[in-house]
Amino acid sequence: YIRSIPGTATLATKRTQALAELNKDIVYTLTEVNNLLSSLTANGVSVEIHLRKLDILTTNVFPVTSLEHGIVNGIDRGVAVSTFDHWLATHNSFNTLKYDFAFLWTGYDLYGGTDDSTEGYAHLGAMCNSRIASGVGEFNKTYATAITTAHEIGHILGSDHDGPQSNYIMAAVSKASAINRWSFSSISATAIKNYLATLTTNCLLTTNPASTKPTVTYGAYTGHILDPNVICQRALNISNSYMCLDWSFYNNLSPSGDRICSVIHCKKPGTNLCYTAFPSDGMVCDTNKRCKKGKCLPDSTAPHNLNSVCLFGDQRKLEFTDFSGTCQDYIARKGSSYCYQPFILHSCCNTCKAHYTGRTGCEYGDKFLGCNKAPRELMCPTNMDGCCEYCKGFVSPVVGR
């Protein structure tokens, strides 16, 4: 967060600003965790998160000796949870706060099993347990953090992973394209109910009056997690990433509506690759609409009078073998004839709009360069279509006998 603060302010000033931005994202994320947990209600489980205490730590919970050797900023998931348990015990946290469970968000990469796809880890069936009611999750500053957190809370509540084909919250691997990733399955709800029934004392039945429910509306949120370009930068952990706007990623339609509410595509700069990422619920998806659980739905707080064909304006950057820069610079160098190419038209919709003539068949002027290199009498008789702007109004002379 500090690195993302622009300007030349002192480190202390940037830290203050960064903490303010971090707190905005924390409240947003916990609000979304509660939205995800609310899906359990349909299956007879009513549970929501209230915040007893939030600590933004200035020192690492994980000592250097606990990190994975040979992996930058990596730690084994089991080591992470056990180390956090030890930290909680050392600080007498449970006796002081009497929490139902504790959760640690970390900037470290969690590893486990045979791959590096682990994003969180928690004790299974540990809610209300003073020793092990805990979990950890990667805080990557995107909507994926909300899904990971809800998933790990599901474990603490007694739900194991759903089956291998699951696309619900408790799937072993969460994918942006999973159509039910905003909901707990009925199988998970049953497991949670069965676990809670085994508790001698169910701590969830009472709420500490000192706790508060984190809540922010999409219209009131002033952070950056709803900006698709920022989402891409955070998801790929690349500061100059941006949302890919090529229509081919969105069923050959404009990147708007439902098409961007389950998956967006993010550019890896310096390559021709775009990777999928989780869009944020609350992200603007059309005029007067925001993304909500995979759908683009009406929202009175969304901006008005937007153009769904050019919702986000120009793509942040164009990268070709012979060019790297903005759409404005590209068209200024190459000419508006490039707007006839679908990729350029879609990626540079705002810039191309400025060159739009409104004339059918000659929407962006001449269709190739060099029309004005020859007199109209020579160029236009055989190139009226390609040189539609240069040859506008030209009438071939009638040659008499």
Protein backbone atom coordinates (compact mmCIF):
# COMPACT_ATOMS: atom_id res chain seq x y z
CA TYR A 1 0.00 0.00 0.00
CA ILE A 2 2.85 2.39 0.78
CA ARG A 3 4.41 1.74 -2.64
CA SER A 4 1.13 2.63 -4.35
CA ILE A 5 0.95 6.08 -2.75
CA PRO A 6 2.10 8.61 -5.40
CA GLY A 7 4.14 11.73 -4.79
CA THR A 8 7.21 12.67 -2.79
CA ALA A 9 5.71 12.81 0.69
CA THR A 10 7.69 11.50 3.65
CA LEU A 11 7.54 7.83 4.51
CA ALA A 12 5.57 8.66 7.66
CA THR A 13 2.96 10.56 5.63
CA LYS A 14 2.72 7.79 3.05
CA ARG A 15 2.35 5.23 5.82
CA THR A 16 -0.59 7.16 7.27
CA GLN A 17 -2.22 7.34 3.85
CA ALA A 18 -1.50 3.66 3.20
CA LEU A 19 -3.12 2.63 6.49
CA ALA A 20 -6.23 4.59 5.55
CA GLU A 21 -6.40 2.79 2.19
CA LEU A 22 -5.77 -0.57 3.86
CA ASN A 23 -8.60 -0.01 6.32
CA LYS A 24 -10.98 0.79 3.46
CA ASP A 25 -10.13 -2.52 1.81
CA ILE A 26 -10.41 -4.44 5.08
CA VAL A 27 -13.92 -3.13 5.71
CA TYR A 28 -14.89 -3.87 2.10
CA THR A 29 -13.46 -7.40 2.27
CA LEU A 30 -15.17 -8.26 5.56
CA THR A 31 -18.44 -6.86 4.21
CA GLU A 32 -18.09 -9.22 1.27
CA VAL A 33 -17.22 -12.14 3.56
CA ASN A 34 -20.54 -11.57 5.30
CA ASN A 35 -22.30 -11.41 1.94
CA LEU A 36 -20.79 -14.81 1.11
CA LEU A 37 -21.69 -16.28 4.49
CA SER A 38 -25.28 -15.10 4.01
CA SER A 39 -25.67 -17.79 1.33
CA LEU A 40 -25.83 -20.33 4.17
CA THR A 41 -29.16 -18.89 5.32
CA ALA A 42 -31.08 -20.70 2.57
CA ASN A 43 -29.93 -23.98 4.13
CA GLY A 44 -30.71 -23.12 7.72
CA VAL A 45 -27.44 -21.56 8.94
CA SER A 46 -27.39 -17.90 9.95
CA VAL A 47 -23.92 -16.61 10.75
CA GLU A 48 -22.06 -13.35 10.21
CA ILE A 49 -18.74 -11.85 11.20
CA HIS A 50 -18.47 -9.17 13.85
CA LEU A 51 -15.06 -7.66 14.45
CA ARG A 52 -13.88 -7.94 18.05
CA LYS A 53 -10.46 -6.42 17.41
CA LEU A 54 -8.35 -5.57 14.38
CA ASP A 55 -4.57 -5.46 14.68
CA ILE A 56 -2.47 -4.18 11.78
CA LEU A 57 0.85 -5.59 12.90
CA THR A 58 4.14 -3.79 12.45
CA THR A 59 6.17 -6.94 13.07
CA ASN A 60 6.01 -10.36 11.45
CA VAL A 61 4.11 -13.19 13.10
CA PHE A 62 6.32 -15.60 11.18
CA PRO A 63 10.02 -15.60 12.13
CA VAL A 64 12.52 -15.90 9.32
CA THR A 65 13.36 -19.43 10.46
CA SER A 66 9.79 -20.56 9.72
CA LEU A 67 9.86 -19.58 6.05
CA GLU A 68 10.31 -22.02 3.17
CA HIS A 69 13.92 -22.35 2.07
CA GLY A 70 14.51 -21.38 -1.54
CA ILE A 71 11.09 -19.72 -1.94
CA VAL A 72 10.80 -15.95 -1.78
CA ASN A 73 8.24 -14.90 0.85
CA GLY A 74 6.87 -18.44 1.10
CA ILE A 75 5.74 -20.42 4.14
CA ASP A 76 4.22 -23.87 4.56
CA ARG A 77 0.50 -23.58 5.32
CA GLY A 78 0.67 -25.89 8.35
CA VAL A 79 3.64 -24.03 9.77
CA ALA A 80 1.80 -20.76 9.23
CA VAL A 81 -1.25 -21.85 11.23
CA SER A 82 0.73 -23.43 14.06
CA THR A 83 2.98 -20.36 14.27
CA PHE A 84 -0.10 -18.12 14.44
CA ASP A 85 -1.56 -20.35 17.17
CA HIS A 86 1.66 -19.93 19.12
CA TRP A 87 1.55 -16.17 18.61
CA LEU A 88 -2.02 -16.02 19.91
CA ALA A 89 -1.09 -18.06 22.99
CA THR A 90 2.01 -15.97 23.66
CA HIS A 91 -0.07 -12.79 23.57
CA ASN A 92 -2.85 -14.33 25.70
CA SER A 93 -5.24 -13.26 22.96
CA PHE A 94 -8.13 -15.60 23.68
CA ASN A 95 -8.29 -14.82 27.40
CA THR A 96 -8.11 -11.11 26.65
CA LEU A 97 -10.66 -10.96 23.83
CA LYS A 98 -12.77 -14.11 24.21
CA TYR A 99 -13.06 -14.36 20.43
CA ASP A 100 -14.98 -17.10 18.61
CA PHE A 101 -12.09 -17.51 16.18
CA ALA A 102 -9.00 -15.59 15.10
CA PHE A 103 -7.83 -15.04 11.55
CA LEU A 104 -4.53 -13.80 10.15
CA TRP A 105 -4.20 -12.16 6.77
CA THR A 106 -0.66 -12.30 5.48
CA GLY A 107 1.36 -11.00 2.57
CA TYR A 108 3.38 -14.23 2.50
CA ASP A 109 2.65 -16.96 -0.06
CA LEU A 110 1.21 -20.08 1.54
CA TYR A 111 2.40 -23.44 0.25
CA GLY A 112 1.09 -26.93 0.82
CA GLY A 113 0.72 -30.28 -0.90
CA THR A 114 2.33 -30.53 -4.32
CA ASP A 115 1.45 -27.10 -5.74
CA ASP A 116 1.51 -23.43 -4.88
CA SER A 117 -2.23 -22.80 -5.31
CA THR A 118 -2.87 -22.73 -1.55
CA GLU A 119 -4.35 -19.38 -0.56
CA GLY A 120 -5.49 -20.18 2.97
CA TYR A 121 -5.46 -22.79 5.70
CA ALA A 122 -7.41 -23.35 8.89
CA HIS A 123 -8.17 -25.91 11.57
CA LEU A 124 -11.17 -28.04 10.65
CA GLY A 125 -14.05 -27.95 13.12
CA ALA A 126 -12.36 -25.65 15.62
CA MET A 127 -14.87 -22.86 16.22
CA CYS A 128 -15.03 -21.82 19.89
CA ASN A 129 -11.88 -23.82 20.70
CA SER A 130 -9.62 -21.56 22.75
CA ARG A 131 -6.45 -23.22 21.42
CA ILE A 132 -7.04 -23.78 17.72
CA ALA A 133 -9.99 -21.66 16.54
CA SER A 134 -7.83 -20.04 13.90
CA GLY A 135 -6.91 -19.74 10.26
CA VAL A 136 -4.63 -17.84 7.90
CA GLY A 137 -5.18 -16.47 4.41
CA GLU A 138 -3.24 -14.62 1.75
CA PHE A 139 -4.22 -10.97 1.56
CA ASN A 140 -3.76 -10.12 -2.10
CA LYS A 141 -5.98 -7.02 -2.01
CA THR A 142 -8.58 -8.39 -4.44
CA TYR A 143 -11.98 -10.04 -4.13
CA ALA A 144 -10.17 -13.37 -3.96
CA THR A 145 -9.27 -12.49 -0.36
CA ALA A 146 -12.96 -12.42 0.58
CA ILE A 147 -13.53 -15.83 -1.01
CA THR A 148 -10.46 -17.32 0.67
CA THR A 149 -11.49 -15.93 4.06
CA ALA A 150 -15.06 -17.23 3.76
CA HIS A 151 -13.67 -20.61 2.65
CA GLU A 152 -11.37 -20.90 5.68
CA ILE A 153 -14.13 -19.80 8.05
CA GLY A 154 -16.16 -22.62 6.52
CA HIS A 155 -13.42 -25.03 7.60
CA ILE A 156 -13.35 -23.62 11.13
CA LEU A 157 -17.14 -24.09 11.20
CA GLY A 158 -16.71 -27.77 10.39
CA SER A 159 -17.08 -27.97 6.62
CA ASP A 160 -14.47 -29.88 4.63
CA HIS A 161 -13.96 -29.40 0.89
CA ASP A 162 -16.82 -30.21 -1.45
CA GLY A 163 -16.30 -32.87 -4.11
CA PRO A 164 -13.74 -32.53 -6.93
CA GLN A 165 -16.32 -31.10 -9.36
CA SER A 166 -17.62 -28.48 -6.96
CA ASN A 167 -17.71 -24.84 -7.99
CA TYR A 168 -18.99 -23.54 -4.65
CA ILE A 169 -17.07 -21.63 -1.96
CA MET A 170 -15.79 -24.85 -0.38
CA ALA A 171 -14.26 -26.17 -3.60
CA ALA A 172 -10.66 -27.24 -3.04
CA VAL A 173 -9.52 -24.69 -5.64
CA SER A 174 -11.44 -21.49 -6.25
CA LYS A 175 -11.64 -20.40 -9.88
CA ALA A 176 -12.81 -17.05 -11.20
CA SER A 177 -15.01 -18.83 -13.73
CA ALA A 178 -16.80 -20.99 -11.11
CA ILE A 179 -20.49 -20.13 -11.44
CA ASN A 180 -21.34 -20.80 -7.76
CA ARG A 181 -18.28 -19.30 -6.09
CA TRP A 182 -20.46 -16.83 -4.20
CA SER A 183 -22.36 -19.56 -2.34
CA PHE A 184 -21.90 -22.38 0.14
CA SER A 185 -23.38 -25.67 -1.04
CA SER A 186 -26.10 -27.52 0.84
CA ILE A 187 -23.44 -30.14 1.64
CA SER A 188 -21.32 -27.52 3.39
CA ALA A 189 -24.33 -26.15 5.25
CA THR A 190 -25.21 -29.63 6.52
CA ALA A 191 -21.63 -30.23 7.69
CA ILE A 192 -21.66 -26.92 9.57
CA LYS A 193 -24.99 -27.66 11.24
CA ASN A 194 -23.77 -31.11 12.25
CA TYR A 195 -20.58 -29.66 13.72
CA LEU A 196 -22.34 -26.90 15.67
CA ALA A 197 -24.67 -29.52 17.14
CA THR A 198 -21.68 -31.23 18.75
CA LEU A 199 -20.56 -28.15 20.69
CA THR A 200 -21.13 -28.32 24.42
CA THR A 201 -21.10 -24.54 24.52
CA ASN A 202 -21.85 -22.75 21.26
CA CYS A 203 -20.00 -19.44 21.45
CA LEU A 204 -21.77 -18.24 18.30
CA LEU A 205 -25.06 -17.83 20.13
CA THR A 206 -23.89 -14.68 21.91
CA THR A 207 -22.31 -11.53 20.49
CA ASN A 208 -19.83 -9.49 22.48
CA PRO A 209 -21.19 -5.93 22.76
CA ALA A 210 -17.67 -4.63 22.12
CA SER A 211 -17.68 -6.14 18.61
CA THR A 212 -18.88 -4.34 15.49
CA LYS A 213 -20.16 -5.52 12.14
CA PRO A 214 -17.96 -4.21 9.30
CA THR A 215 -20.21 -2.68 6.67
CA VAL A 216 -19.68 -0.44 3.67
CA THR A 217 -21.91 0.09 0.65
CA TYR A 218 -20.48 0.10 -2.84
CA GLY A 219 -21.42 3.73 -3.27
CA ALA A 220 -19.72 4.76 -0.03
CA TYR A 221 -16.53 2.77 -0.61
CA THR A 222 -13.70 5.07 -1.74
CA GLY A 223 -10.82 2.62 -2.15
CA HIS A 224 -9.49 1.10 -5.37
CA ILE A 225 -10.59 -2.54 -5.25
CA LEU A 226 -13.45 -1.81 -7.68
CA ASP A 227 -11.12 -0.44 -10.38
CA PRO A 228 -10.44 -3.22 -12.94
CA ASN A 229 -6.95 -1.95 -13.74
CA VAL A 230 -6.05 -1.94 -10.04
CA ILE A 231 -7.57 -5.40 -9.68
CA CYS A 232 -5.22 -6.59 -12.42
CA GLN A 233 -2.19 -4.96 -10.83
CA ARG A 234 -2.97 -6.64 -7.52
CA ALA A 235 -3.99 -10.02 -8.92
CA LEU A 236 -0.80 -10.37 -10.97
CA ASN A 237 1.29 -8.43 -8.44
CA ILE A 238 2.59 -6.31 -11.32
CA SER A 239 2.29 -2.57 -10.88
CA ASN A 240 1.81 -1.82 -14.59
CA SER A 241 -0.70 -4.54 -15.41
CA TYR A 242 -4.10 -3.52 -16.77
CA MET A 243 -7.41 -4.97 -17.92
CA CYS A 244 -7.36 -6.49 -21.40
CA LEU A 245 -10.27 -5.01 -23.38
CA ASP A 246 -10.03 -7.12 -26.54
CA TRP A 247 -13.55 -8.38 -27.24
CA SER A 248 -12.26 -11.88 -27.99
CA PHE A 249 -11.95 -12.42 -24.23
CA TYR A 250 -15.62 -11.61 -23.71
CA ASN A 251 -17.41 -13.81 -26.26
CA ASN A 252 -16.66 -11.27 -29.00
CA LEU A 253 -18.83 -8.68 -27.28
CA SER A 254 -17.93 -5.52 -25.42
CA PRO A 255 -16.40 -5.95 -21.92
CA SER A 256 -19.50 -4.96 -19.98
CA GLY A 257 -22.58 -6.50 -18.39
CA ASP A 258 -22.58 -10.04 -17.02
CA ARG A 259 -19.51 -10.83 -19.12
CA ILE A 260 -17.20 -8.97 -16.72
CA CYS A 261 -18.90 -9.93 -13.46
CA SER A 262 -17.45 -13.42 -13.17
CA VAL A 263 -14.07 -13.03 -14.89
CA ILE A 264 -11.89 -10.23 -16.17
CA HIS A 265 -8.65 -10.61 -18.09
CA CYS A 266 -5.39 -8.98 -17.05
CA LYS A 267 -2.33 -8.19 -19.14
CA LYS A 268 1.10 -9.42 -18.20
CA PRO A 269 3.20 -6.55 -19.58
CA GLY A 270 5.95 -7.46 -21.99
CA THR A 271 4.07 -10.54 -23.22
CA ASN A 272 1.03 -11.24 -25.36
CA LEU A 273 -0.67 -13.00 -22.45
CA CYS A 274 -3.78 -12.04 -20.50
CA TYR A 275 -4.64 -13.94 -17.31
CA THR A 276 -8.01 -14.35 -15.62
CA ALA A 277 -8.74 -12.57 -12.36
CA PHE A 278 -11.62 -12.22 -9.91
CA PRO A 279 -13.62 -9.05 -10.54
CA SER A 280 -14.91 -7.35 -7.40
CA ASP A 281 -18.54 -7.36 -6.45
CA GLY A 282 -19.55 -3.71 -6.67
CA MET A 283 -17.46 -3.05 -9.79
CA VAL A 284 -19.31 -0.91 -12.33
CA CYS A 285 -20.46 -3.12 -15.22
CA ASP A 286 -22.79 -0.81 -17.14
CA THR A 287 -24.62 2.46 -16.76
CA ASN A 288 -26.54 2.41 -13.44
CA LYS A 289 -25.32 -1.14 -12.76
CA ARG A 290 -22.75 -2.98 -10.64
CA CYS A 291 -21.52 -6.57 -10.45
CA LYS A 292 -23.27 -8.63 -7.80
CA LYS A 293 -22.56 -12.33 -7.50
CA GLY A 294 -21.76 -12.81 -11.16
CA LYS A 295 -24.57 -10.66 -12.54
CA CYS A 296 -24.67 -7.06 -13.72
CA LEU A 297 -27.57 -5.65 -11.72
CA PRO A 298 -29.17 -2.22 -11.24
CA ASP A 299 -27.58 -0.10 -8.53
CA SER A 300 -28.58 3.48 -7.81
CA THR A 301 -25.03 4.35 -6.70
CA ALA A 302 -23.45 3.38 -10.03
CA PRO A 303 -22.48 6.13 -12.49
CA HIS A 304 -25.07 7.24 -15.03
CA ASN A 305 -24.89 7.78 -18.79
CA LEU A 306 -22.06 5.34 -19.45
CA ASN A 307 -21.42 3.79 -22.85
CA SER A 308 -21.56 0.01 -22.51
CA VAL A 309 -19.56 -0.39 -25.73
CA CYS A 310 -16.71 1.69 -24.27
CA LEU A 311 -17.35 1.27 -20.56
CA PHE A 312 -13.75 1.65 -19.37
CA GLY A 313 -12.49 3.91 -22.15
CA ASP A 314 -9.24 3.05 -23.89
CA GLN A 315 -7.18 0.09 -22.78
CA ARG A 316 -4.43 1.42 -20.53
CA LYS A 317 -1.71 0.53 -23.01
CA LEU A 318 -1.01 -1.08 -26.39
CA GLU A 319 2.01 -3.34 -26.77
CA PHE A 320 3.27 -4.44 -30.18
CA THR A 321 6.67 -5.36 -31.56
CA ASP A 322 7.12 -1.86 -32.97
CA PHE A 323 5.08 0.15 -30.46
CA SER A 324 4.37 0.45 -26.75
CA GLY A 325 2.22 3.29 -25.51
CA THR A 326 -1.26 4.77 -25.27
CA CYS A 327 -4.03 4.55 -27.82
CA GLN A 328 -3.82 8.27 -28.45
CA ASP A 329 -0.13 8.02 -29.29
CA TYR A 330 -0.73 4.97 -31.48
CA ILE A 331 -3.46 6.58 -33.58
CA ALA A 332 -1.50 9.84 -33.78
CA ARG A 333 1.43 7.89 -35.20
CA LYS A 334 -0.38 5.33 -37.35
CA GLY A 335 -3.51 7.21 -38.38
CA SER A 336 -7.22 6.73 -37.77
CA SER A 337 -7.38 4.10 -40.52
CA TYR A 338 -6.25 1.61 -37.87
CA CYS A 339 -9.61 2.07 -36.16
CA TYR A 340 -11.07 -0.14 -38.90
CA GLN A 341 -9.18 -3.05 -37.32
CA PRO A 342 -11.46 -4.69 -34.71
CA PHE A 343 -8.71 -5.12 -32.12
CA ILE A 344 -7.74 -1.43 -32.28
CA LEU A 345 -11.36 -0.26 -32.44
CA HIS A 346 -12.26 -2.23 -29.32
CA SER A 347 -9.08 -1.56 -27.35
CA CYS A 348 -9.01 2.13 -28.29
CA CYS A 349 -12.73 2.80 -28.33
CA ASN A 350 -12.46 6.25 -26.78
CA THR A 351 -9.69 7.47 -29.08
CA CYS A 352 -11.38 6.02 -32.17
CA LYS A 353 -14.64 7.68 -31.15
CA ALA A 354 -12.89 11.05 -31.48
CA HIS A 355 -12.12 10.21 -35.12
CA TYR A 356 -15.62 8.91 -35.93
CA THR A 357 -17.09 10.68 -38.96
CA GLY A 358 -20.62 9.36 -38.76
CA ARG A 359 -20.49 8.44 -42.44
CA THR A 360 -21.44 4.88 -43.30
CA GLY A 361 -18.60 3.17 -45.10
CA CYS A 362 -16.14 5.87 -44.11
CA GLU A 363 -16.52 5.84 -40.34
CA TYR A 364 -12.88 6.65 -39.58
CA GLY A 365 -11.77 8.38 -42.75
CA ASP A 366 -9.46 6.88 -45.36
CA LYS A 367 -8.96 3.15 -44.91
CA PHE A 368 -5.31 3.14 -45.83
CA LEU A 369 -2.44 5.57 -45.73
CA GLY A 370 -1.08 7.51 -48.67
CA CYS A 371 -4.33 8.49 -50.34
CA ASN A 372 -3.21 12.10 -50.60
CA LYS A 373 0.13 11.18 -52.14
CA ALA A 374 -1.34 11.37 -55.62
CA PRO A 375 -3.77 13.77 -57.31
CA ARG A 376 -7.42 12.88 -56.85
CA GLU A 377 -7.80 12.45 -60.59
CA LEU A 378 -5.31 9.58 -60.43
CA MET A 379 -6.17 8.10 -57.04
CA CYS A 380 -9.93 8.31 -56.80
CA PRO A 381 -11.29 6.57 -59.91
CA THR A 382 -10.01 3.21 -58.65
CA ASN A 383 -9.83 3.86 -54.88
CA MET A 384 -13.08 5.59 -53.95
CA ASP A 385 -13.78 3.14 -51.13
CA GLY A 386 -10.28 2.94 -49.64
CA CYS A 387 -9.76 6.70 -49.93
CA CYS A 388 -13.30 7.57 -48.94
CA GLU A 389 -12.31 10.75 -47.07
CA TYR A 390 -9.77 12.03 -49.59
CA CYS A 391 -12.11 11.28 -52.46
CA LYS A 392 -15.27 12.63 -50.83
CA GLY A 393 -17.21 14.58 -53.44
CA PHE A 394 -14.95 13.51 -56.27
CA VAL A 395 -16.71 12.97 -59.57
CA SER A 396 -14.88 11.21 -62.36
CA PRO A 397 -14.63 13.46 -65.40
CA VAL A 398 -16.57 12.41 -68.44
CA VAL A 399 -14.28 12.05 -71.39
CA GLY A 400 -15.96 13.03 -74.63
CA ARG A 401 -15.29 11.64 -78.05
